[in-house]
Amino acid sequence: GWAEEISLDVLWAHAIAPGANIELVLAKSNADVDILSATKWAVDHHVGDIISQSFGENESCMDPVLLATQHQVFADATAKNITIFASTGDEGAGQFTCDGSSLVKAVSTPAVDPLVTAVGGTELHAANYCLVSLGCTPSANPLPGTYEGEIVWNEPGIGASGGGFSVLFDEPSYQEGTIHGGKQRGVADVSYNAAVFHGVLTYLNIPGLPAGMYLFGGTSAGSPQWSAILAIADQKAGYALGFINQALYHIGQAPPHYSASFFDVTSGNNSFDGVVGFSAASGWDPPTGLGSPSTGQLVNYLIQFVSPGDGTSAIAGSKPHTNGNPSAPGHQKPH
């Protein structure tokens, strides 16, 4: 649950950016109004230059007044040069209905907001350890951890990368000419390893479980690690980069920059538990966005291409359309 989510997020943000200060902001409950209150407090007090959110719900299940308020909080954050990340979810192209009874084709809020950088999931394939004791010849095999490829994260019965098209937000200007499938906001923007069986070790010491190392995955592993990458970029730049989506898609539309910055994931899909999803493709696609970060060159390009006016331009015209009134108060769940 949430205690596991907290451990994963904090430890893996620290693993990627060990020199970064990490502030953990806790809401009173998982109710939309309480999480939004905590987020607003963090933005109002500018407790950090980057916000990572590893939770979400069907965008149509958030009360329209709260959704508009949440968007305004993100606009306030963007105006303060705060970068916002959120994971896209672990039910593939589906999200739960507002009563939690079934999955429907939908995308997750807060990831869907155009002022947020939405992080999808991949399954990372890397070289295993080659042990002589098991008959393996190290000199004839790649070094352990050598990158071998990625596919869309989709482990049947476990989870799959969230991703699709919004019914509440129009296509933002930074996605024009990149996404295919309509004039709606598309998620994900980027991706990161999320597979459980290819996952990350996380230390837990919480009530109800033996203390020790556990294997974790999910798109929630990607949001804090992307936040850590941005912390490194901020440190190298000497200032907070703030809104990065415009720069990300600029990199994605320039082939030399794109190939030097991202692993383009072109295999797999996010169909899951009866909901037909989307397939990976060259360039941007809903399950993995532009892809996963490949080299330190991405940091250099972000510093080069982020412009002070990007956030202001993104705020203009980015408000959500009304989504009616859900039948019950919305609640977020950890991804």
C-alpha atoms as a PDB file:
ATOM      1  CA  GLY A   1       0.000   0.000   0.000  1.00  0.00           C
ATOM      2  CA  TRP A   2       1.015   3.567   0.673  1.00  0.00           C
ATOM      3  CA  ALA A   3       3.846   2.673   3.076  1.00  0.00           C
ATOM      4  CA  GLU A   4       5.426   0.515   0.367  1.00  0.00           C
ATOM      5  CA  GLU A   5       4.906   3.311  -2.157  1.00  0.00           C
ATOM      6  CA  ILE A   6       6.612   5.839   0.088  1.00  0.00           C
ATOM      7  CA  SER A   7       9.601   3.547   0.609  1.00  0.00           C
ATOM      8  CA  LEU A   8       9.970   2.868  -3.116  1.00  0.00           C
ATOM      9  CA  ASP A   9       9.701   6.529  -4.101  1.00  0.00           C
ATOM     10  CA  VAL A  10      12.069   7.964  -1.517  1.00  0.00           C
ATOM     11  CA  LEU A  11      14.726   5.249  -1.788  1.00  0.00           C
ATOM     12  CA  TRP A  12      14.862   5.220  -5.584  1.00  0.00           C
ATOM     13  CA  ALA A  13      14.863   8.982  -5.930  1.00  0.00           C
ATOM     14  CA  HIS A  14      17.846   8.867  -3.575  1.00  0.00           C
ATOM     15  CA  ALA A  15      19.504   5.997  -5.487  1.00  0.00           C
ATOM     16  CA  ILE A  16      19.595   8.058  -8.708  1.00  0.00           C
ATOM     17  CA  ALA A  17      20.349  11.458  -7.132  1.00  0.00           C
ATOM     18  CA  PRO A  18      22.038  10.713  -3.786  1.00  0.00           C
ATOM     19  CA  GLY A  19      22.990  14.348  -3.262  1.00  0.00           C
ATOM     20  CA  ALA A  20      19.450  15.686  -3.595  1.00  0.00           C
ATOM     21  CA  ASN A  21      17.399  16.814  -0.614  1.00  0.00           C
ATOM     22  CA  ILE A  22      14.116  14.888  -0.456  1.00  0.00           C
ATOM     23  CA  GLU A  23      11.016  16.258   1.249  1.00  0.00           C
ATOM     24  CA  LEU A  24       8.230  13.744   1.929  1.00  0.00           C
ATOM     25  CA  VAL A  25       4.808  15.429   2.044  1.00  0.00           C
ATOM     26  CA  LEU A  26       2.017  13.299   3.525  1.00  0.00           C
ATOM     27  CA  ALA A  27      -1.709  13.798   2.984  1.00  0.00           C
ATOM     28  CA  LYS A  28      -4.251  12.963   5.703  1.00  0.00           C
ATOM     29  CA  SER A  29      -5.889  10.326   3.487  1.00  0.00           C
ATOM     30  CA  ASN A  30      -6.068   9.144  -0.108  1.00  0.00           C
ATOM     31  CA  ALA A  31      -9.156  11.278  -0.779  1.00  0.00           C
ATOM     32  CA  ASP A  32      -8.702  13.672  -3.696  1.00  0.00           C
ATOM     33  CA  VAL A  33      -9.349  16.695  -1.515  1.00  0.00           C
ATOM     34  CA  ASP A  34      -6.656  15.678   0.997  1.00  0.00           C
ATOM     35  CA  ILE A  35      -3.987  14.841  -1.571  1.00  0.00           C
ATOM     36  CA  LEU A  36      -4.728  18.081  -3.394  1.00  0.00           C
ATOM     37  CA  SER A  37      -4.421  19.989  -0.120  1.00  0.00           C
ATOM     38  CA  ALA A  38      -0.995  18.457   0.500  1.00  0.00           C
ATOM     39  CA  THR A  39       0.130  19.233  -3.051  1.00  0.00           C
ATOM     40  CA  LYS A  40      -1.052  22.831  -2.762  1.00  0.00           C
ATOM     41  CA  TRP A  41       0.830  23.220   0.512  1.00  0.00           C
ATOM     42  CA  ALA A  42       4.021  21.926  -1.131  1.00  0.00           C
ATOM     43  CA  VAL A  43       3.625  24.346  -4.037  1.00  0.00           C
ATOM     44  CA  ASP A  44       2.618  27.334  -1.908  1.00  0.00           C
ATOM     45  CA  HIS A  45       5.662  26.824   0.316  1.00  0.00           C
ATOM     46  CA  HIS A  46       7.940  25.828  -2.585  1.00  0.00           C
ATOM     47  CA  VAL A  47       9.403  22.975  -0.547  1.00  0.00           C
ATOM     48  CA  GLY A  48      11.169  21.579  -3.612  1.00  0.00           C
ATOM     49  CA  ASP A  49      11.964  22.329  -7.251  1.00  0.00           C
ATOM     50  CA  ILE A  50      10.565  18.962  -8.443  1.00  0.00           C
ATOM     51  CA  ILE A  51       7.389  17.130  -7.428  1.00  0.00           C
ATOM     52  CA  SER A  52       6.972  13.379  -7.977  1.00  0.00           C
ATOM     53  CA  GLN A  53       3.515  11.775  -7.777  1.00  0.00           C
ATOM     54  CA  SER A  54       3.218   7.971  -7.898  1.00  0.00           C
ATOM     55  CA  PHE A  55      -0.555   7.708  -7.641  1.00  0.00           C
ATOM     56  CA  GLY A  56      -3.660   8.371  -9.678  1.00  0.00           C
ATOM     57  CA  GLU A  57      -7.214   7.555 -10.701  1.00  0.00           C
ATOM     58  CA  ASN A  58      -9.458   7.642 -13.762  1.00  0.00           C
ATOM     59  CA  GLU A  59      -9.471  11.270 -14.906  1.00  0.00           C
ATOM     60  CA  SER A  60     -13.283  11.202 -15.209  1.00  0.00           C
ATOM     61  CA  CYS A  61     -13.657  10.194 -11.557  1.00  0.00           C
ATOM     62  CA  MET A  62     -12.201  13.367 -10.111  1.00  0.00           C
ATOM     63  CA  ASP A  63     -14.747  15.987  -9.157  1.00  0.00           C
ATOM     64  CA  PRO A  64     -14.642  18.700 -11.853  1.00  0.00           C
ATOM     65  CA  VAL A  65     -14.163  21.475  -9.288  1.00  0.00           C
ATOM     66  CA  LEU A  66     -11.238  19.625  -7.713  1.00  0.00           C
ATOM     67  CA  LEU A  67      -9.797  18.832 -11.148  1.00  0.00           C
ATOM     68  CA  ALA A  68      -9.856  22.519 -12.054  1.00  0.00           C
ATOM     69  CA  THR A  69      -8.308  23.395  -8.673  1.00  0.00           C
ATOM     70  CA  GLN A  70      -5.609  20.769  -9.162  1.00  0.00           C
ATOM     71  CA  HIS A  71      -4.805  22.222 -12.573  1.00  0.00           C
ATOM     72  CA  GLN A  72      -4.498  25.685 -11.033  1.00  0.00           C
ATOM     73  CA  VAL A  73      -2.088  24.295  -8.418  1.00  0.00           C
ATOM     74  CA  PHE A  74      -0.005  22.834 -11.244  1.00  0.00           C
ATOM     75  CA  ALA A  75      -0.149  26.193 -13.031  1.00  0.00           C
ATOM     76  CA  ASP A  76       1.086  27.899  -9.867  1.00  0.00           C
ATOM     77  CA  ALA A  77       3.892  25.339  -9.629  1.00  0.00           C
ATOM     78  CA  THR A  78       4.838  25.858 -13.269  1.00  0.00           C
ATOM     79  CA  ALA A  79       4.933  29.619 -12.751  1.00  0.00           C
ATOM     80  CA  LYS A  80       7.367  29.013  -9.869  1.00  0.00           C
ATOM     81  CA  ASN A  81       9.620  26.872 -12.088  1.00  0.00           C
ATOM     82  CA  ILE A  82       8.654  23.665 -10.278  1.00  0.00           C
ATOM     83  CA  THR A  83       8.804  20.517 -12.442  1.00  0.00           C
ATOM     84  CA  ILE A  84       5.946  18.056 -11.958  1.00  0.00           C
ATOM     85  CA  PHE A  85       6.089  14.319 -12.666  1.00  0.00           C
ATOM     86  CA  ALA A  86       3.405  11.651 -12.291  1.00  0.00           C
ATOM     87  CA  SER A  87       3.168   7.957 -13.133  1.00  0.00           C
ATOM     88  CA  THR A  88       0.603   6.858 -15.733  1.00  0.00           C
ATOM     89  CA  GLY A  89      -0.757   3.830 -13.886  1.00  0.00           C
ATOM     90  CA  ASP A  90      -0.423   0.062 -13.801  1.00  0.00           C
ATOM     91  CA  GLU A  91      -3.617  -1.179 -15.498  1.00  0.00           C
ATOM     92  CA  GLY A  92      -2.473  -0.654 -19.074  1.00  0.00           C
ATOM     93  CA  ALA A  93      -4.876   1.361 -21.216  1.00  0.00           C
ATOM     94  CA  GLY A  94      -7.538   0.949 -18.511  1.00  0.00           C
ATOM     95  CA  GLN A  95      -8.462   2.726 -15.331  1.00  0.00           C
ATOM     96  CA  PHE A  96     -11.015   1.641 -12.756  1.00  0.00           C
ATOM     97  CA  THR A  97     -14.555   2.950 -12.939  1.00  0.00           C
ATOM     98  CA  CYS A  98     -15.502   5.441 -10.240  1.00  0.00           C
ATOM     99  CA  ASP A  99     -17.051   2.680  -8.114  1.00  0.00           C
ATOM    100  CA  GLY A 100     -13.955   0.518  -8.557  1.00  0.00           C
ATOM    101  CA  SER A 101     -15.927  -2.373 -10.007  1.00  0.00           C
ATOM    102  CA  SER A 102     -14.260  -2.765 -13.404  1.00  0.00           C
ATOM    103  CA  LEU A 103     -11.710  -1.399 -15.854  1.00  0.00           C
ATOM    104  CA  VAL A 104     -12.590   0.970 -18.681  1.00  0.00           C
ATOM    105  CA  LYS A 105     -10.397   2.568 -21.324  1.00  0.00           C
ATOM    106  CA  ALA A 106      -9.163   5.771 -19.699  1.00  0.00           C
ATOM    107  CA  VAL A 107      -6.079   7.640 -18.565  1.00  0.00           C
ATOM    108  CA  SER A 108      -4.955   8.658 -15.103  1.00  0.00           C
ATOM    109  CA  THR A 109      -4.958  11.986 -13.355  1.00  0.00           C
ATOM    110  CA  PRO A 110      -2.698  13.736 -12.302  1.00  0.00           C
ATOM    111  CA  ALA A 111      -0.437  12.347 -15.082  1.00  0.00           C
ATOM    112  CA  VAL A 112      -2.820  13.499 -17.827  1.00  0.00           C
ATOM    113  CA  ASP A 113      -2.569  17.188 -16.947  1.00  0.00           C
ATOM    114  CA  PRO A 114      -0.607  18.990 -19.721  1.00  0.00           C
ATOM    115  CA  LEU A 115       1.541  20.720 -17.092  1.00  0.00           C
ATOM    116  CA  VAL A 116       2.731  17.339 -15.791  1.00  0.00           C
ATOM    117  CA  THR A 117       5.412  15.106 -17.296  1.00  0.00           C
ATOM    118  CA  ALA A 118       3.711  11.694 -17.477  1.00  0.00           C
ATOM    119  CA  VAL A 119       5.938   8.639 -16.935  1.00  0.00           C
ATOM    120  CA  GLY A 120       4.951   5.305 -18.490  1.00  0.00           C
ATOM    121  CA  GLY A 121       6.594   1.921 -18.099  1.00  0.00           C
ATOM    122  CA  THR A 122       8.937  -0.413 -19.961  1.00  0.00           C
ATOM    123  CA  GLU A 123      10.400  -3.845 -19.328  1.00  0.00           C
ATOM    124  CA  LEU A 124      14.175  -3.460 -19.322  1.00  0.00           C
ATOM    125  CA  HIS A 125      16.352  -6.284 -20.624  1.00  0.00           C
ATOM    126  CA  ALA A 126      19.946  -6.198 -19.437  1.00  0.00           C
ATOM    127  CA  ALA A 127      22.770  -8.732 -19.368  1.00  0.00           C
ATOM    128  CA  ASN A 128      22.857 -11.099 -16.387  1.00  0.00           C
ATOM    129  CA  TYR A 129      25.884 -12.004 -14.321  1.00  0.00           C
ATOM    130  CA  CYS A 130      28.079 -14.569 -16.048  1.00  0.00           C
ATOM    131  CA  LEU A 131      29.448 -16.937 -13.389  1.00  0.00           C
ATOM    132  CA  VAL A 132      32.239 -19.387 -14.143  1.00  0.00           C
ATOM    133  CA  SER A 133      30.844 -21.675 -11.439  1.00  0.00           C
ATOM    134  CA  LEU A 134      27.730 -22.091 -13.577  1.00  0.00           C
ATOM    135  CA  GLY A 135      29.680 -22.830 -16.728  1.00  0.00           C
ATOM    136  CA  CYS A 136      29.548 -19.324 -18.182  1.00  0.00           C
ATOM    137  CA  THR A 137      32.559 -17.684 -19.838  1.00  0.00           C
ATOM    138  CA  PRO A 138      32.723 -13.989 -18.820  1.00  0.00           C
ATOM    139  CA  SER A 139      35.011 -12.983 -21.686  1.00  0.00           C
ATOM    140  CA  ALA A 140      32.453 -14.253 -24.204  1.00  0.00           C
ATOM    141  CA  ASN A 141      29.513 -12.376 -22.688  1.00  0.00           C
ATOM    142  CA  PRO A 142      28.603  -8.731 -22.114  1.00  0.00           C
ATOM    143  CA  LEU A 143      29.266  -7.166 -18.743  1.00  0.00           C
ATOM    144  CA  PRO A 144      26.455  -7.518 -16.177  1.00  0.00           C
ATOM    145  CA  GLY A 145      23.891  -4.778 -16.591  1.00  0.00           C
ATOM    146  CA  THR A 146      24.732  -4.096 -20.242  1.00  0.00           C
ATOM    147  CA  TYR A 147      21.658  -2.675 -21.963  1.00  0.00           C
ATOM    148  CA  GLU A 148      20.015  -5.179 -24.330  1.00  0.00           C
ATOM    149  CA  GLY A 149      16.670  -3.569 -25.080  1.00  0.00           C
ATOM    150  CA  GLU A 150      13.221  -2.620 -23.783  1.00  0.00           C
ATOM    151  CA  ILE A 151       9.623  -3.460 -24.561  1.00  0.00           C
ATOM    152  CA  VAL A 152       6.350  -2.033 -23.259  1.00  0.00           C
ATOM    153  CA  TRP A 153       5.821  -3.158 -19.671  1.00  0.00           C
ATOM    154  CA  ASN A 154       3.028  -5.724 -19.768  1.00  0.00           C
ATOM    155  CA  GLU A 155       3.128  -8.609 -17.295  1.00  0.00           C
ATOM    156  CA  PRO A 156      -0.195 -10.500 -17.462  1.00  0.00           C
ATOM    157  CA  GLY A 157      -1.940 -10.640 -14.120  1.00  0.00           C
ATOM    158  CA  ILE A 158       0.515  -8.159 -12.609  1.00  0.00           C
ATOM    159  CA  GLY A 159       0.337  -4.875 -14.489  1.00  0.00           C
ATOM    160  CA  ALA A 160       1.020  -2.911 -17.645  1.00  0.00           C
ATOM    161  CA  SER A 161       2.001   0.627 -18.551  1.00  0.00           C
ATOM    162  CA  GLY A 162      -0.765   3.207 -18.454  1.00  0.00           C
ATOM    163  CA  GLY A 163      -1.171   5.335 -21.546  1.00  0.00           C
ATOM    164  CA  GLY A 164      -3.776   6.667 -23.940  1.00  0.00           C
ATOM    165  CA  PHE A 165      -5.696   9.820 -24.754  1.00  0.00           C
ATOM    166  CA  SER A 166      -7.558  12.228 -22.498  1.00  0.00           C
ATOM    167  CA  VAL A 167     -11.258  13.027 -22.751  1.00  0.00           C
ATOM    168  CA  LEU A 168     -10.798  16.222 -20.707  1.00  0.00           C
ATOM    169  CA  PHE A 169      -7.631  17.914 -21.988  1.00  0.00           C
ATOM    170  CA  ASP A 170      -6.960  19.053 -25.534  1.00  0.00           C
ATOM    171  CA  GLU A 171      -3.692  18.279 -27.278  1.00  0.00           C
ATOM    172  CA  PRO A 172      -1.103  20.714 -25.885  1.00  0.00           C
ATOM    173  CA  SER A 173       0.942  22.716 -28.350  1.00  0.00           C
ATOM    174  CA  TYR A 174       4.141  20.871 -27.456  1.00  0.00           C
ATOM    175  CA  GLN A 175       2.622  17.592 -28.724  1.00  0.00           C
ATOM    176  CA  GLU A 176       1.484  18.957 -32.078  1.00  0.00           C
ATOM    177  CA  GLY A 177       3.190  17.130 -34.921  1.00  0.00           C
ATOM    178  CA  THR A 178       4.331  14.321 -32.612  1.00  0.00           C
ATOM    179  CA  ILE A 179       1.373  12.294 -31.392  1.00  0.00           C
ATOM    180  CA  HIS A 180      -1.064  10.447 -33.616  1.00  0.00           C
ATOM    181  CA  GLY A 181      -4.630   9.533 -32.808  1.00  0.00           C
ATOM    182  CA  GLY A 182      -6.586  12.720 -32.358  1.00  0.00           C
ATOM    183  CA  LYS A 183      -6.534  16.196 -30.900  1.00  0.00           C
ATOM    184  CA  GLN A 184      -6.471  15.168 -27.255  1.00  0.00           C
ATOM    185  CA  ARG A 185      -3.677  15.179 -24.691  1.00  0.00           C
ATOM    186  CA  GLY A 186      -1.700  11.963 -25.054  1.00  0.00           C
ATOM    187  CA  VAL A 187       0.131  10.163 -22.260  1.00  0.00           C
ATOM    188  CA  ALA A 188       2.781   9.010 -21.539  1.00  0.00           C
ATOM    189  CA  ASP A 189       5.431  11.653 -22.279  1.00  0.00           C
ATOM    190  CA  VAL A 190       8.417   9.496 -21.295  1.00  0.00           C
ATOM    191  CA  SER A 191       8.984   6.095 -19.706  1.00  0.00           C
ATOM    192  CA  TYR A 192      11.195   4.103 -17.376  1.00  0.00           C
ATOM    193  CA  ASN A 193      11.664   0.484 -16.333  1.00  0.00           C
ATOM    194  CA  ALA A 194       8.518  -0.671 -14.515  1.00  0.00           C
ATOM    195  CA  ALA A 195       8.522  -4.466 -14.819  1.00  0.00           C
ATOM    196  CA  VAL A 196       8.170  -6.336 -11.529  1.00  0.00           C
ATOM    197  CA  PHE A 197      10.229  -9.380 -12.542  1.00  0.00           C
ATOM    198  CA  HIS A 198      12.876  -7.016 -13.906  1.00  0.00           C
ATOM    199  CA  GLY A 199      12.291  -4.618 -11.044  1.00  0.00           C
ATOM    200  CA  VAL A 200      14.179  -2.728  -8.360  1.00  0.00           C
ATOM    201  CA  LEU A 201      15.128  -3.857  -4.867  1.00  0.00           C
ATOM    202  CA  THR A 202      13.583  -1.733  -2.125  1.00  0.00           C
ATOM    203  CA  TYR A 203      14.164  -2.009   1.617  1.00  0.00           C
ATOM    204  CA  LEU A 204      10.976  -2.160   3.695  1.00  0.00           C
ATOM    205  CA  ASN A 205      10.661  -1.861   7.452  1.00  0.00           C
ATOM    206  CA  ILE A 206       6.944  -1.367   7.995  1.00  0.00           C
ATOM    207  CA  PRO A 207       4.325  -3.028  10.237  1.00  0.00           C
ATOM    208  CA  GLY A 208       2.983  -6.336   8.945  1.00  0.00           C
ATOM    209  CA  LEU A 209       5.999  -7.341   6.853  1.00  0.00           C
ATOM    210  CA  PRO A 210       9.396  -8.787   7.760  1.00  0.00           C
ATOM    211  CA  ALA A 211      12.070  -6.124   7.368  1.00  0.00           C
ATOM    212  CA  GLY A 212      14.233  -6.690   4.322  1.00  0.00           C
ATOM    213  CA  MET A 213      14.633  -6.237   0.579  1.00  0.00           C
ATOM    214  CA  TYR A 214      11.632  -6.596  -1.720  1.00  0.00           C
ATOM    215  CA  LEU A 215      11.327  -6.534  -5.513  1.00  0.00           C
ATOM    216  CA  PHE A 216       9.196  -3.671  -6.842  1.00  0.00           C
ATOM    217  CA  GLY A 217       7.972  -2.465 -10.202  1.00  0.00           C
ATOM    218  CA  GLY A 218       5.164  -0.358 -11.645  1.00  0.00           C
ATOM    219  CA  THR A 219       5.144   3.048 -13.261  1.00  0.00           C
ATOM    220  CA  SER A 220       5.479   4.462  -9.750  1.00  0.00           C
ATOM    221  CA  ALA A 221       9.139   3.409  -9.878  1.00  0.00           C
ATOM    222  CA  GLY A 222       9.692   5.668 -12.880  1.00  0.00           C
ATOM    223  CA  SER A 223       8.304   8.956 -11.599  1.00  0.00           C
ATOM    224  CA  PRO A 224      10.764   9.369  -8.678  1.00  0.00           C
ATOM    225  CA  GLN A 225      13.708   8.236 -10.832  1.00  0.00           C
ATOM    226  CA  TRP A 226      12.852  10.730 -13.577  1.00  0.00           C
ATOM    227  CA  SER A 227      12.545  13.350 -10.834  1.00  0.00           C
ATOM    228  CA  ALA A 228      16.054  12.425  -9.712  1.00  0.00           C
ATOM    229  CA  ILE A 229      17.383  12.806 -13.264  1.00  0.00           C
ATOM    230  CA  LEU A 230      15.848  16.271 -13.346  1.00  0.00           C
ATOM    231  CA  ALA A 231      17.483  17.080  -9.995  1.00  0.00           C
ATOM    232  CA  ILE A 232      20.828  16.227 -11.583  1.00  0.00           C
ATOM    233  CA  ALA A 233      19.979  18.444 -14.567  1.00  0.00           C
ATOM    234  CA  ASP A 234      18.999  21.302 -12.234  1.00  0.00           C
ATOM    235  CA  GLN A 235      22.272  20.904 -10.360  1.00  0.00           C
ATOM    236  CA  LYS A 236      24.311  20.936 -13.570  1.00  0.00           C
ATOM    237  CA  ALA A 237      22.409  23.963 -14.878  1.00  0.00           C
ATOM    238  CA  GLY A 238      22.747  25.822 -11.592  1.00  0.00           C
ATOM    239  CA  TYR A 239      19.030  26.657 -11.529  1.00  0.00           C
ATOM    240  CA  ALA A 240      15.629  24.954 -11.633  1.00  0.00           C
ATOM    241  CA  LEU A 241      14.698  24.094 -15.216  1.00  0.00           C
ATOM    242  CA  GLY A 242      10.986  24.006 -14.391  1.00  0.00           C
ATOM    243  CA  PHE A 243       8.607  22.991 -17.175  1.00  0.00           C
ATOM    244  CA  ILE A 244      10.406  20.519 -19.461  1.00  0.00           C
ATOM    245  CA  ASN A 245       7.717  19.068 -21.756  1.00  0.00           C
ATOM    246  CA  GLN A 246       8.329  21.583 -24.536  1.00  0.00           C
ATOM    247  CA  ALA A 247      12.035  20.734 -24.537  1.00  0.00           C
ATOM    248  CA  LEU A 248      11.364  16.982 -24.384  1.00  0.00           C
ATOM    249  CA  TYR A 249       9.227  17.068 -27.520  1.00  0.00           C
ATOM    250  CA  HIS A 250      11.688  19.386 -29.245  1.00  0.00           C
ATOM    251  CA  ILE A 251      14.355  16.743 -28.622  1.00  0.00           C
ATOM    252  CA  GLY A 252      11.935  14.073 -29.859  1.00  0.00           C
ATOM    253  CA  GLN A 253      11.392  15.884 -33.153  1.00  0.00           C
ATOM    254  CA  ALA A 254      15.122  16.284 -33.904  1.00  0.00           C
ATOM    255  CA  PRO A 255      16.465  12.833 -34.946  1.00  0.00           C
ATOM    256  CA  PRO A 256      20.134  13.394 -33.931  1.00  0.00           C
ATOM    257  CA  HIS A 257      19.093  14.740 -30.523  1.00  0.00           C
ATOM    258  CA  TYR A 258      16.442  12.065 -30.075  1.00  0.00           C
ATOM    259  CA  SER A 259      18.729   9.113 -30.784  1.00  0.00           C
ATOM    260  CA  ALA A 260      21.335  10.520 -28.406  1.00  0.00           C
ATOM    261  CA  SER A 261      18.838  11.041 -25.577  1.00  0.00           C
ATOM    262  CA  PHE A 262      16.238   8.268 -25.636  1.00  0.00           C
ATOM    263  CA  PHE A 263      15.852   4.565 -26.156  1.00  0.00           C
ATOM    264  CA  ASP A 264      12.926   4.406 -28.586  1.00  0.00           C
ATOM    265  CA  VAL A 265      10.687   1.519 -27.457  1.00  0.00           C
ATOM    266  CA  THR A 266       9.019  -0.053 -30.504  1.00  0.00           C
ATOM    267  CA  SER A 267       7.778  -3.451 -29.292  1.00  0.00           C
ATOM    268  CA  GLY A 268       4.802  -4.460 -27.134  1.00  0.00           C
ATOM    269  CA  ASN A 269       1.439  -2.973 -26.175  1.00  0.00           C
ATOM    270  CA  ASN A 270      -0.553  -1.975 -23.101  1.00  0.00           C
ATOM    271  CA  SER A 271      -3.675  -4.078 -23.640  1.00  0.00           C
ATOM    272  CA  PHE A 272      -4.513  -5.429 -20.192  1.00  0.00           C
ATOM    273  CA  ASP A 273      -7.256  -7.349 -18.408  1.00  0.00           C
ATOM    274  CA  GLY A 274      -9.727  -7.133 -21.295  1.00  0.00           C
ATOM    275  CA  VAL A 275      -9.082  -3.494 -22.219  1.00  0.00           C
ATOM    276  CA  VAL A 276      -7.594  -3.171 -25.707  1.00  0.00           C
ATOM    277  CA  GLY A 277      -4.718  -0.727 -25.593  1.00  0.00           C
ATOM    278  CA  PHE A 278      -2.071   0.785 -27.815  1.00  0.00           C
ATOM    279  CA  SER A 279       1.028  -0.614 -29.481  1.00  0.00           C
ATOM    280  CA  ALA A 280       4.535   0.757 -29.298  1.00  0.00           C
ATOM    281  CA  ALA A 281       5.838   2.401 -32.453  1.00  0.00           C
ATOM    282  CA  SER A 282       8.789   4.407 -33.730  1.00  0.00           C
ATOM    283  CA  GLY A 283       8.885   7.761 -31.980  1.00  0.00           C
ATOM    284  CA  TRP A 284       6.143   8.692 -29.559  1.00  0.00           C
ATOM    285  CA  ASP A 285       3.501   6.148 -28.535  1.00  0.00           C
ATOM    286  CA  PRO A 286       0.952   6.051 -25.671  1.00  0.00           C
ATOM    287  CA  PRO A 287       2.498   3.252 -23.556  1.00  0.00           C
ATOM    288  CA  THR A 288       6.048   4.634 -23.469  1.00  0.00           C
ATOM    289  CA  GLY A 289       5.882   8.203 -24.764  1.00  0.00           C
ATOM    290  CA  LEU A 290       9.159   9.295 -26.302  1.00  0.00           C
ATOM    291  CA  GLY A 291      10.938   6.377 -24.613  1.00  0.00           C
ATOM    292  CA  SER A 292      13.342   5.920 -21.733  1.00  0.00           C
ATOM    293  CA  PRO A 293      16.435   8.053 -21.004  1.00  0.00           C
ATOM    294  CA  SER A 294      19.575   6.665 -22.611  1.00  0.00           C
ATOM    295  CA  THR A 295      22.590   8.851 -21.856  1.00  0.00           C
ATOM    296  CA  GLY A 296      23.724  11.927 -19.980  1.00  0.00           C
ATOM    297  CA  GLN A 297      23.310  13.845 -23.216  1.00  0.00           C
ATOM    298  CA  LEU A 298      19.613  14.150 -22.364  1.00  0.00           C
ATOM    299  CA  VAL A 299      20.541  16.330 -19.386  1.00  0.00           C
ATOM    300  CA  ASN A 300      22.669  18.550 -21.603  1.00  0.00           C
ATOM    301  CA  TYR A 301      19.904  18.917 -24.169  1.00  0.00           C
ATOM    302  CA  LEU A 302      17.323  19.766 -21.502  1.00  0.00           C
ATOM    303  CA  ILE A 303      19.578  22.526 -20.223  1.00  0.00           C
ATOM    304  CA  GLN A 304      20.105  23.738 -23.796  1.00  0.00           C
ATOM    305  CA  PHE A 305      16.498  23.663 -24.971  1.00  0.00           C
ATOM    306  CA  VAL A 306      14.388  24.607 -21.946  1.00  0.00           C
ATOM    307  CA  SER A 307      13.249  28.204 -22.395  1.00  0.00           C
ATOM    308  CA  PRO A 308      12.002  30.492 -19.590  1.00  0.00           C
ATOM    309  CA  GLY A 309       8.760  31.104 -21.507  1.00  0.00           C
ATOM    310  CA  ASP A 310       7.852  27.437 -22.016  1.00  0.00           C
ATOM    311  CA  GLY A 311       5.852  27.172 -18.823  1.00  0.00           C
ATOM    312  CA  THR A 312       3.895  30.357 -19.468  1.00  0.00           C
ATOM    313  CA  SER A 313       2.990  29.162 -22.967  1.00  0.00           C
ATOM    314  CA  ALA A 314       1.918  25.771 -21.644  1.00  0.00           C
ATOM    315  CA  ILE A 315      -0.370  27.277 -19.009  1.00  0.00           C
ATOM    316  CA  ALA A 316      -2.302  29.250 -21.621  1.00  0.00           C
ATOM    317  CA  GLY A 317      -5.225  27.241 -22.961  1.00  0.00           C
ATOM    318  CA  SER A 318      -4.460  24.118 -20.945  1.00  0.00           C
ATOM    319  CA  LYS A 319      -7.529  24.030 -18.686  1.00  0.00           C
ATOM    320  CA  PRO A 320      -9.633  20.850 -18.578  1.00  0.00           C
ATOM    321  CA  HIS A 321     -13.133  20.523 -19.998  1.00  0.00           C
ATOM    322  CA  THR A 322     -15.919  19.640 -17.599  1.00  0.00           C
ATOM    323  CA  ASN A 323     -16.366  15.952 -16.866  1.00  0.00           C
ATOM    324  CA  GLY A 324     -19.738  16.035 -15.132  1.00  0.00           C
ATOM    325  CA  ASN A 325     -20.029  15.067 -11.486  1.00  0.00           C
ATOM    326  CA  PRO A 326     -18.797  11.679 -10.229  1.00  0.00           C
ATOM    327  CA  SER A 327     -21.230   9.597  -8.227  1.00  0.00           C
ATOM    328  CA  ALA A 328     -18.893   9.449  -5.225  1.00  0.00           C
ATOM    329  CA  PRO A 329     -15.886  11.368  -3.873  1.00  0.00           C
ATOM    330  CA  GLY A 330     -12.737  10.356  -5.725  1.00  0.00           C
ATOM    331  CA  HIS A 331      -9.777   8.614  -4.156  1.00  0.00           C
ATOM    332  CA  GLN A 332      -6.247   8.182  -5.453  1.00  0.00           C
ATOM    333  CA  LYS A 333      -4.443   4.863  -5.252  1.00  0.00           C
ATOM    334  CA  PRO A 334      -0.714   4.146  -5.415  1.00  0.00           C
ATOM    335  CA  HIS A 335       0.511   2.953  -8.815  1.00  0.00           C
END
